[in-house]
C-alpha cells in the first residue's frame, strides 16, 4: 500500500520549483491585498486571486498564465458576474454567472480558471458594479507586470511571459 502511495505521489504529484523569492513575492502580493481590504478600499482578498498567483508562479508556461488569458479572462469573468448580479444574487445566480463566464472566456480564447471563479464574487459579495475595472484589472495587471519584472531581475525566477514567437498555435 505504501508503495502505491509513493508511486502516485512521485508520478502524479507536483514538484515545487519556487525559491524563497517566489514565496516572498506571493506573500507581498497577499499583504497588499489584505491592506487594501483592511482599509475598506474594496473587496480585494478573494480566493481566485490566490489561484492566479499560484498559476503565475508554478505554471508560467501554461496558456492560462499568459497575460492575455490571465488579464482578459479575469476581468471578463468578473464583468459577467457583475452583469448577472443585476438580475439577482445567491447560489443559483452564482452558478449561472460561473457557467456564463466559462462560456464567454472560452469563446474569446481567454480561458483562465480563476476568471470563472471571479464571476461568483459580484453575485455573492456585492463589491460594487466597478469591481472588474477597479479591483480585478489593477490586480491582474500588477500580478502580470510584477511577475514579468521579477523574471527579468532575479536569477532562477521562471521565465515570464512566454515569448509570442514560442507560442505556436
N, C-alpha and C. Protein backbone atom coordinates (compact mmCIF):
# COMPACT_ATOMS: atom_id res chain seq x y z
N UNK A 1 0.81 -1.19 0.00
CA UNK A 1 0.00 0.00 0.00
C UNK A 1 0.86 1.27 0.00
N UNK A 2 1.91 1.29 0.81
CA UNK A 2 2.77 2.47 0.85
C UNK A 2 3.52 2.64 -0.47
N UNK A 3 3.82 1.53 -1.16
CA UNK A 3 4.47 1.61 -2.47
C UNK A 3 3.53 2.28 -3.48
N UNK A 4 2.25 1.93 -3.42
CA UNK A 4 1.27 2.53 -4.32
C UNK A 4 1.18 4.04 -4.06
N UNK A 5 1.09 4.40 -2.78
CA UNK A 5 1.02 5.82 -2.43
C UNK A 5 2.28 6.55 -2.90
N UNK A 6 3.42 5.96 -2.69
CA UNK A 6 4.69 6.56 -3.11
C UNK A 6 4.73 6.74 -4.62
N UNK A 7 4.27 5.76 -5.35
CA UNK A 7 4.24 5.83 -6.81
C UNK A 7 3.29 6.94 -7.28
N UNK A 8 2.13 7.03 -6.65
CA UNK A 8 1.16 8.07 -7.03
C UNK A 8 1.74 9.45 -6.81
N UNK A 9 2.34 9.66 -5.65
CA UNK A 9 2.92 10.97 -5.35
C UNK A 9 4.05 11.29 -6.31
N UNK A 10 4.91 10.32 -6.58
CA UNK A 10 6.06 10.54 -7.46
C UNK A 10 5.62 10.81 -8.90
N UNK A 11 4.61 10.10 -9.38
CA UNK A 11 4.20 10.24 -10.78
C UNK A 11 3.17 11.35 -11.01
N UNK A 12 2.21 11.48 -10.10
CA UNK A 12 1.14 12.46 -10.29
C UNK A 12 1.32 13.70 -9.44
N UNK A 13 2.19 13.65 -8.48
CA UNK A 13 2.39 14.80 -7.59
C UNK A 13 3.11 15.93 -8.30
N UNK A 14 3.09 17.09 -7.67
CA UNK A 14 3.75 18.25 -8.24
C UNK A 14 5.12 18.44 -7.59
N UNK A 15 5.97 19.12 -8.31
CA UNK A 15 7.29 19.44 -7.80
C UNK A 15 7.42 20.95 -7.69
N UNK A 16 7.38 21.47 -6.48
CA UNK A 16 7.52 22.93 -6.36
C UNK A 16 8.85 23.39 -6.92
N UNK A 17 8.80 24.46 -7.68
CA UNK A 17 10.02 24.99 -8.30
C UNK A 17 10.37 26.38 -7.76
N UNK A 18 9.58 26.85 -6.82
CA UNK A 18 9.82 28.18 -6.30
C UNK A 18 10.99 28.23 -5.34
N UNK A 19 11.59 29.36 -5.33
CA UNK A 19 12.62 29.65 -4.34
C UNK A 19 12.02 30.62 -3.33
N UNK A 20 12.81 30.98 -2.36
CA UNK A 20 12.35 31.90 -1.33
C UNK A 20 11.78 33.18 -1.93
N UNK A 21 12.41 33.68 -2.99
CA UNK A 21 11.93 34.92 -3.61
C UNK A 21 10.50 34.78 -4.12
N UNK A 22 10.14 33.62 -4.62
CA UNK A 22 8.77 33.39 -5.10
C UNK A 22 7.77 33.42 -3.96
N UNK A 23 8.12 32.79 -2.86
CA UNK A 23 7.22 32.80 -1.70
C UNK A 23 7.10 34.21 -1.14
N UNK A 24 8.19 34.97 -1.14
CA UNK A 24 8.14 36.35 -0.66
C UNK A 24 7.27 37.22 -1.56
N UNK A 25 7.37 37.00 -2.87
CA UNK A 25 6.55 37.75 -3.82
C UNK A 25 5.07 37.48 -3.57
N UNK A 26 4.71 36.20 -3.44
CA UNK A 26 3.31 35.85 -3.19
C UNK A 26 2.85 36.46 -1.86
N UNK A 27 3.68 36.37 -0.82
CA UNK A 27 3.32 36.94 0.48
C UNK A 27 3.15 38.46 0.38
N UNK A 28 4.01 39.12 -0.37
CA UNK A 28 3.89 40.58 -0.54
C UNK A 28 2.60 40.93 -1.27
N UNK A 29 2.27 40.18 -2.30
CA UNK A 29 1.03 40.43 -3.04
C UNK A 29 -0.18 40.24 -2.12
N UNK A 30 -0.17 39.18 -1.31
CA UNK A 30 -1.28 38.97 -0.36
C UNK A 30 -1.33 40.09 0.66
N UNK A 31 -0.16 40.55 1.11
CA UNK A 31 -0.11 41.65 2.07
C UNK A 31 -0.73 42.91 1.52
N UNK A 32 -0.43 43.24 0.28
CA UNK A 32 -1.03 44.43 -0.35
C UNK A 32 -2.54 44.27 -0.46
N UNK A 33 -2.99 43.10 -0.88
CA UNK A 33 -4.43 42.87 -0.99
C UNK A 33 -5.12 42.98 0.37
N UNK A 34 -4.48 42.41 1.40
CA UNK A 34 -5.05 42.47 2.76
C UNK A 34 -5.09 43.91 3.26
N UNK A 35 -4.05 44.68 2.97
CA UNK A 35 -4.03 46.09 3.40
C UNK A 35 -5.13 46.89 2.72
N UNK A 36 -5.33 46.65 1.43
CA UNK A 36 -6.39 47.34 0.71
C UNK A 36 -7.76 46.96 1.28
N UNK A 37 -7.92 45.69 1.58
CA UNK A 37 -9.18 45.20 2.16
C UNK A 37 -9.39 45.80 3.55
N UNK A 38 -8.35 45.80 4.36
CA UNK A 38 -8.45 46.29 5.74
C UNK A 38 -8.77 47.79 5.78
N UNK A 39 -8.33 48.52 4.79
CA UNK A 39 -8.59 49.96 4.73
C UNK A 39 -9.94 50.28 4.11
N UNK A 40 -10.72 49.24 3.90
CA UNK A 40 -12.08 49.39 3.36
C UNK A 40 -12.10 50.07 2.00
N UNK A 41 -11.06 49.84 1.23
CA UNK A 41 -11.00 50.41 -0.11
C UNK A 41 -11.87 49.58 -1.06
N UNK A 42 -12.07 48.31 -0.75
CA UNK A 42 -12.89 47.44 -1.57
C UNK A 42 -12.68 45.99 -1.19
N UNK A 43 -13.31 45.11 -1.95
CA UNK A 43 -13.14 43.67 -1.75
C UNK A 43 -11.95 43.24 -2.59
N UNK A 44 -10.84 42.93 -1.94
CA UNK A 44 -9.61 42.59 -2.65
C UNK A 44 -9.09 41.19 -2.35
N UNK A 45 -9.29 40.73 -1.15
CA UNK A 45 -8.71 39.45 -0.73
C UNK A 45 -9.69 38.33 -1.06
N UNK A 46 -9.73 37.96 -2.34
CA UNK A 46 -10.66 36.92 -2.80
C UNK A 46 -9.86 35.70 -3.26
N UNK A 47 -10.38 34.50 -3.02
CA UNK A 47 -9.65 33.27 -3.36
C UNK A 47 -9.16 33.17 -4.80
N UNK A 48 -9.91 33.62 -5.81
CA UNK A 48 -9.38 33.50 -7.17
C UNK A 48 -8.05 34.23 -7.38
N UNK A 49 -7.79 35.28 -6.60
CA UNK A 49 -6.51 35.97 -6.74
C UNK A 49 -5.37 35.09 -6.25
N UNK A 50 -5.60 34.31 -5.21
CA UNK A 50 -4.59 33.37 -4.73
C UNK A 50 -4.31 32.32 -5.80
N UNK A 51 -5.35 31.84 -6.44
CA UNK A 51 -5.17 30.86 -7.52
C UNK A 51 -4.40 31.47 -8.68
N UNK A 52 -4.67 32.71 -9.01
CA UNK A 52 -3.95 33.39 -10.09
C UNK A 52 -2.46 33.48 -9.79
N UNK A 53 -2.12 33.87 -8.57
CA UNK A 53 -0.70 33.97 -8.20
C UNK A 53 -0.03 32.60 -8.24
N UNK A 54 -0.73 31.58 -7.81
CA UNK A 54 -0.18 30.23 -7.84
C UNK A 54 0.08 29.78 -9.27
N UNK A 55 -0.87 30.04 -10.17
CA UNK A 55 -0.68 29.69 -11.58
C UNK A 55 0.50 30.45 -12.16
N UNK A 56 0.61 31.73 -11.86
CA UNK A 56 1.73 32.53 -12.37
C UNK A 56 3.07 31.96 -11.93
N UNK A 57 3.15 31.51 -10.70
CA UNK A 57 4.43 31.04 -10.17
C UNK A 57 4.75 29.61 -10.56
N UNK A 58 3.77 28.73 -10.52
CA UNK A 58 4.06 27.31 -10.73
C UNK A 58 3.84 26.85 -12.16
N UNK A 59 3.07 27.59 -12.94
CA UNK A 59 2.78 27.20 -14.32
C UNK A 59 3.00 28.37 -15.28
N UNK A 60 4.14 29.04 -15.21
CA UNK A 60 4.33 30.25 -16.02
C UNK A 60 4.30 30.01 -17.52
N UNK A 61 4.53 28.79 -17.98
CA UNK A 61 4.48 28.49 -19.41
C UNK A 61 3.09 28.13 -19.91
N UNK A 62 2.17 27.85 -18.99
CA UNK A 62 0.83 27.40 -19.38
C UNK A 62 0.07 28.52 -20.08
N UNK A 63 -0.76 28.16 -21.06
CA UNK A 63 -1.57 29.18 -21.73
C UNK A 63 -2.45 29.98 -20.77
N UNK A 64 -2.95 29.37 -19.70
CA UNK A 64 -3.81 30.08 -18.75
C UNK A 64 -3.05 31.10 -17.92
N UNK A 65 -1.72 31.06 -17.96
CA UNK A 65 -0.89 32.01 -17.21
C UNK A 65 -0.43 33.19 -18.04
N UNK A 66 -0.63 33.14 -19.34
CA UNK A 66 -0.13 34.20 -20.20
C UNK A 66 -0.97 35.47 -20.04
N UNK A 67 -0.36 36.62 -20.27
CA UNK A 67 -1.02 37.90 -19.96
C UNK A 67 -2.43 38.06 -20.54
N UNK A 68 -2.63 37.68 -21.80
CA UNK A 68 -3.96 37.86 -22.39
C UNK A 68 -5.01 37.04 -21.64
N UNK A 69 -4.75 35.75 -21.48
CA UNK A 69 -5.72 34.89 -20.80
C UNK A 69 -5.93 35.32 -19.36
N UNK A 70 -4.85 35.65 -18.68
CA UNK A 70 -4.93 36.00 -17.27
C UNK A 70 -5.70 37.30 -17.05
N UNK A 71 -5.33 38.34 -17.75
CA UNK A 71 -5.97 39.64 -17.53
C UNK A 71 -7.38 39.66 -18.13
N UNK A 72 -7.49 39.32 -19.40
CA UNK A 72 -8.80 39.41 -20.06
C UNK A 72 -9.76 38.37 -19.48
N UNK A 73 -9.29 37.16 -19.22
CA UNK A 73 -10.16 36.14 -18.65
C UNK A 73 -10.67 36.52 -17.27
N UNK A 74 -9.81 37.10 -16.45
CA UNK A 74 -10.22 37.51 -15.11
C UNK A 74 -11.20 38.68 -15.14
N UNK A 75 -10.87 39.71 -15.91
CA UNK A 75 -11.74 40.89 -15.99
C UNK A 75 -13.08 40.51 -16.62
N UNK A 76 -13.04 39.71 -17.65
CA UNK A 76 -14.27 39.29 -18.31
C UNK A 76 -15.13 38.44 -17.37
N UNK A 77 -14.51 37.52 -16.64
CA UNK A 77 -15.26 36.69 -15.69
C UNK A 77 -15.95 37.55 -14.64
N UNK A 78 -15.22 38.52 -14.10
CA UNK A 78 -15.80 39.42 -13.10
C UNK A 78 -16.90 40.28 -13.72
N UNK A 79 -16.71 40.70 -14.97
CA UNK A 79 -17.73 41.51 -15.64
C UNK A 79 -19.00 40.71 -15.89
N UNK A 80 -18.84 39.46 -16.29
CA UNK A 80 -20.02 38.60 -16.48
C UNK A 80 -20.76 38.44 -15.15
N UNK A 81 -20.00 38.20 -14.08
CA UNK A 81 -20.62 38.09 -12.76
C UNK A 81 -21.34 39.36 -12.36
N UNK A 82 -20.75 40.50 -12.67
CA UNK A 82 -21.39 41.78 -12.36
C UNK A 82 -22.69 41.92 -13.14
N UNK A 83 -22.66 41.55 -14.41
CA UNK A 83 -23.88 41.60 -15.22
C UNK A 83 -24.97 40.70 -14.67
N UNK A 84 -24.60 39.50 -14.28
CA UNK A 84 -25.59 38.57 -13.73
C UNK A 84 -26.14 39.11 -12.40
N UNK A 85 -25.31 39.80 -11.64
CA UNK A 85 -25.75 40.32 -10.34
C UNK A 85 -26.88 41.35 -10.47
N UNK A 86 -27.04 41.94 -11.64
CA UNK A 86 -28.15 42.87 -11.86
C UNK A 86 -29.50 42.15 -11.81
N UNK A 87 -29.48 40.84 -12.05
CA UNK A 87 -30.71 40.06 -12.11
C UNK A 87 -31.00 39.30 -10.82
N UNK A 88 -30.06 39.30 -9.90
CA UNK A 88 -30.30 38.60 -8.63
C UNK A 88 -29.00 38.19 -7.98
N UNK A 89 -29.14 37.57 -6.82
CA UNK A 89 -27.96 37.09 -6.10
C UNK A 89 -28.27 35.72 -5.51
N UNK A 90 -27.29 35.15 -4.85
CA UNK A 90 -27.48 33.84 -4.24
C UNK A 90 -26.74 32.76 -4.99
N UNK A 91 -26.88 31.56 -4.49
CA UNK A 91 -26.12 30.43 -5.03
C UNK A 91 -26.49 30.10 -6.47
N UNK A 92 -27.77 30.08 -6.77
CA UNK A 92 -28.21 29.76 -8.14
C UNK A 92 -27.69 30.76 -9.15
N UNK A 93 -27.76 32.03 -8.81
CA UNK A 93 -27.25 33.07 -9.71
C UNK A 93 -25.73 32.99 -9.82
N UNK A 94 -25.08 32.60 -8.75
CA UNK A 94 -23.63 32.44 -8.78
C UNK A 94 -23.23 31.33 -9.74
N UNK A 95 -23.94 30.22 -9.69
CA UNK A 95 -23.67 29.12 -10.62
C UNK A 95 -23.92 29.58 -12.05
N UNK A 96 -24.99 30.29 -12.29
CA UNK A 96 -25.29 30.82 -13.62
C UNK A 96 -24.17 31.74 -14.10
N UNK A 97 -23.68 32.60 -13.21
CA UNK A 97 -22.59 33.52 -13.56
C UNK A 97 -21.33 32.76 -13.94
N UNK A 98 -21.00 31.73 -13.18
CA UNK A 98 -19.79 30.97 -13.48
C UNK A 98 -19.91 30.20 -14.79
N UNK A 99 -21.08 29.63 -15.06
CA UNK A 99 -21.30 28.93 -16.33
C UNK A 99 -21.19 29.92 -17.50
N UNK A 100 -21.82 31.07 -17.35
CA UNK A 100 -21.76 32.08 -18.41
C UNK A 100 -20.33 32.56 -18.62
N UNK A 101 -19.60 32.79 -17.53
CA UNK A 101 -18.21 33.24 -17.64
C UNK A 101 -17.36 32.17 -18.32
N UNK A 102 -17.57 30.92 -17.97
CA UNK A 102 -16.83 29.82 -18.60
C UNK A 102 -17.04 29.84 -20.11
N UNK A 103 -18.26 30.02 -20.52
CA UNK A 103 -18.58 30.05 -21.96
C UNK A 103 -17.95 31.27 -22.63
N UNK A 104 -18.15 32.44 -22.05
CA UNK A 104 -17.66 33.67 -22.68
C UNK A 104 -16.14 33.68 -22.77
N UNK A 105 -15.44 33.38 -21.68
CA UNK A 105 -13.98 33.47 -21.75
C UNK A 105 -13.38 32.37 -22.62
N UNK A 106 -14.09 31.26 -22.75
CA UNK A 106 -13.63 30.23 -23.69
C UNK A 106 -13.80 30.70 -25.13
N UNK A 107 -14.93 31.35 -25.41
CA UNK A 107 -15.19 31.84 -26.77
C UNK A 107 -14.21 32.91 -27.21
N UNK A 108 -13.72 33.72 -26.28
CA UNK A 108 -12.78 34.78 -26.65
C UNK A 108 -11.32 34.33 -26.47
N UNK A 109 -11.14 33.03 -26.26
CA UNK A 109 -9.80 32.43 -26.13
C UNK A 109 -9.00 33.05 -24.99
N UNK A 110 -9.68 33.35 -23.90
CA UNK A 110 -9.02 33.96 -22.73
C UNK A 110 -9.27 33.10 -21.49
N UNK A 111 -9.26 31.78 -21.66
CA UNK A 111 -9.60 30.90 -20.55
C UNK A 111 -8.54 30.98 -19.45
N UNK A 112 -8.98 31.38 -18.28
CA UNK A 112 -8.16 31.45 -17.08
C UNK A 112 -9.07 30.95 -15.94
N UNK A 113 -8.82 29.76 -15.39
CA UNK A 113 -9.75 29.18 -14.41
C UNK A 113 -10.18 30.13 -13.28
N UNK A 114 -9.28 30.92 -12.68
CA UNK A 114 -9.76 31.85 -11.66
C UNK A 114 -10.75 32.90 -12.20
N UNK A 115 -10.72 33.15 -13.50
CA UNK A 115 -11.69 34.06 -14.10
C UNK A 115 -13.11 33.52 -13.98
N UNK A 116 -13.24 32.21 -14.09
CA UNK A 116 -14.55 31.58 -13.90
C UNK A 116 -15.00 31.78 -12.45
N UNK A 117 -14.10 31.55 -11.52
CA UNK A 117 -14.43 31.74 -10.10
C UNK A 117 -14.74 33.19 -9.78
N UNK A 118 -14.05 34.12 -10.43
CA UNK A 118 -14.29 35.55 -10.17
C UNK A 118 -15.72 35.97 -10.53
N UNK A 119 -16.37 35.22 -11.41
CA UNK A 119 -17.75 35.54 -11.78
C UNK A 119 -18.69 35.42 -10.58
N UNK A 120 -18.33 34.60 -9.61
CA UNK A 120 -19.21 34.42 -8.45
C UNK A 120 -19.09 35.56 -7.44
N UNK A 121 -17.98 36.28 -7.43
CA UNK A 121 -17.73 37.30 -6.42
C UNK A 121 -18.78 38.43 -6.46
N UNK A 122 -19.08 39.03 -7.61
CA UNK A 122 -20.09 40.10 -7.62
C UNK A 122 -21.48 39.60 -7.20
N UNK A 123 -21.78 38.35 -7.51
CA UNK A 123 -23.10 37.81 -7.19
C UNK A 123 -23.23 37.50 -5.70
N UNK A 124 -22.15 37.03 -5.10
CA UNK A 124 -22.20 36.63 -3.69
C UNK A 124 -21.79 37.72 -2.71
N UNK A 125 -20.81 38.54 -3.08
CA UNK A 125 -20.27 39.52 -2.13
C UNK A 125 -20.67 40.96 -2.40
N UNK A 126 -21.22 41.23 -3.58
CA UNK A 126 -21.69 42.57 -3.95
C UNK A 126 -20.63 43.65 -3.73
N UNK A 127 -19.47 43.53 -4.40
CA UNK A 127 -18.39 44.51 -4.21
C UNK A 127 -18.59 45.82 -4.99
N UNK A 128 -19.66 45.92 -5.71
CA UNK A 128 -19.92 47.12 -6.50
C UNK A 128 -19.79 46.85 -7.98
N UNK A 129 -20.45 47.68 -8.76
CA UNK A 129 -20.51 47.46 -10.21
C UNK A 129 -19.18 47.69 -10.91
N UNK A 130 -18.26 48.38 -10.27
CA UNK A 130 -16.97 48.66 -10.89
C UNK A 130 -15.89 47.66 -10.48
N UNK A 131 -16.27 46.60 -9.77
CA UNK A 131 -15.32 45.58 -9.31
C UNK A 131 -14.38 45.08 -10.43
N UNK A 132 -14.90 44.75 -11.61
CA UNK A 132 -13.99 44.26 -12.66
C UNK A 132 -12.89 45.26 -13.03
N UNK A 133 -13.23 46.55 -13.07
CA UNK A 133 -12.27 47.56 -13.51
C UNK A 133 -11.45 48.17 -12.37
N UNK A 134 -12.04 48.29 -11.19
CA UNK A 134 -11.34 48.94 -10.08
C UNK A 134 -10.55 47.98 -9.20
N UNK A 135 -10.88 46.69 -9.27
CA UNK A 135 -10.19 45.70 -8.43
C UNK A 135 -9.48 44.65 -9.29
N UNK A 136 -10.23 43.99 -10.15
CA UNK A 136 -9.67 42.86 -10.92
C UNK A 136 -8.62 43.33 -11.92
N UNK A 137 -8.91 44.35 -12.68
CA UNK A 137 -7.95 44.84 -13.68
C UNK A 137 -6.63 45.29 -13.03
N UNK A 138 -6.66 46.15 -12.01
CA UNK A 138 -5.39 46.54 -11.40
C UNK A 138 -4.63 45.36 -10.78
N UNK A 139 -5.35 44.44 -10.13
CA UNK A 139 -4.67 43.29 -9.54
C UNK A 139 -4.00 42.45 -10.61
N UNK A 140 -4.73 42.11 -11.67
CA UNK A 140 -4.15 41.24 -12.69
C UNK A 140 -3.01 41.93 -13.42
N UNK A 141 -3.14 43.22 -13.69
CA UNK A 141 -2.04 43.95 -14.33
C UNK A 141 -0.82 43.98 -13.43
N UNK A 142 -1.02 44.21 -12.13
CA UNK A 142 0.10 44.22 -11.18
C UNK A 142 0.73 42.83 -11.05
N UNK A 143 -0.08 41.80 -11.04
CA UNK A 143 0.44 40.44 -10.93
C UNK A 143 1.27 40.09 -12.16
N UNK A 144 0.74 40.35 -13.35
CA UNK A 144 1.45 40.06 -14.59
C UNK A 144 2.71 40.91 -14.69
N UNK A 145 2.58 42.20 -14.43
CA UNK A 145 3.72 43.10 -14.53
C UNK A 145 4.83 42.77 -13.55
N UNK A 146 4.46 42.48 -12.31
CA UNK A 146 5.49 42.17 -11.31
C UNK A 146 6.12 40.81 -11.58
N UNK A 147 5.34 39.84 -12.06
CA UNK A 147 5.93 38.53 -12.40
C UNK A 147 6.91 38.68 -13.57
N UNK A 148 6.55 39.49 -14.55
CA UNK A 148 7.45 39.73 -15.69
C UNK A 148 8.71 40.45 -15.24
N UNK A 149 8.56 41.43 -14.36
CA UNK A 149 9.72 42.17 -13.85
C UNK A 149 10.63 41.26 -13.04
N UNK A 150 10.04 40.45 -12.18
CA UNK A 150 10.85 39.53 -11.37
C UNK A 150 11.59 38.53 -12.26
N UNK A 151 10.94 38.14 -13.35
CA UNK A 151 11.57 37.22 -14.30
C UNK A 151 12.83 37.83 -14.90
N UNK A 152 12.80 39.13 -15.12
CA UNK A 152 13.96 39.82 -15.70
C UNK A 152 15.03 40.11 -14.65
N UNK A 153 14.62 40.40 -13.42
CA UNK A 153 15.55 40.89 -12.39
C UNK A 153 16.20 39.79 -11.55
N UNK A 154 15.49 38.68 -11.34
CA UNK A 154 16.00 37.67 -10.41
C UNK A 154 16.44 36.39 -11.13
N UNK A 155 17.63 35.97 -10.84
CA UNK A 155 18.13 34.72 -11.39
C UNK A 155 17.35 33.57 -10.76
N UNK A 156 16.96 32.60 -11.56
CA UNK A 156 16.22 31.46 -11.07
C UNK A 156 14.71 31.64 -11.06
N UNK A 157 14.26 32.86 -11.33
CA UNK A 157 12.82 33.12 -11.40
C UNK A 157 12.32 32.53 -12.72
N UNK A 158 11.13 31.94 -12.74
CA UNK A 158 10.63 31.37 -14.00
C UNK A 158 10.53 32.45 -15.10
N UNK A 159 10.84 32.08 -16.32
CA UNK A 159 10.72 33.00 -17.46
C UNK A 159 9.24 33.30 -17.66
N UNK A 160 8.93 34.59 -17.70
CA UNK A 160 7.54 35.00 -17.86
C UNK A 160 7.51 36.39 -18.49
N UNK A 161 6.61 36.65 -19.40
CA UNK A 161 5.67 35.72 -20.04
C UNK A 161 6.38 34.90 -21.13
N UNK A 162 5.68 33.95 -21.60
CA UNK A 162 6.19 33.13 -22.69
C UNK A 162 6.28 34.00 -23.94
N UNK A 163 7.35 33.86 -24.67
CA UNK A 163 7.55 34.65 -25.88
C UNK A 163 6.45 34.35 -26.89
N UNK A 164 5.94 35.41 -27.54
CA UNK A 164 4.94 35.22 -28.58
C UNK A 164 5.48 34.36 -29.72
N UNK A 165 6.76 34.45 -29.96
CA UNK A 165 7.39 33.64 -31.00
C UNK A 165 7.33 32.16 -30.68
N UNK A 166 7.39 31.82 -29.39
CA UNK A 166 7.36 30.42 -28.94
C UNK A 166 5.96 29.86 -28.79
N UNK A 167 4.94 30.68 -28.98
CA UNK A 167 3.55 30.26 -28.79
C UNK A 167 2.93 29.87 -30.13
N UNK A 168 3.29 28.73 -30.64
CA UNK A 168 2.71 28.27 -31.92
C UNK A 168 1.30 27.74 -31.67
N UNK A 169 0.41 28.09 -32.52
CA UNK A 169 -0.98 27.62 -32.38
C UNK A 169 -1.20 26.47 -33.29
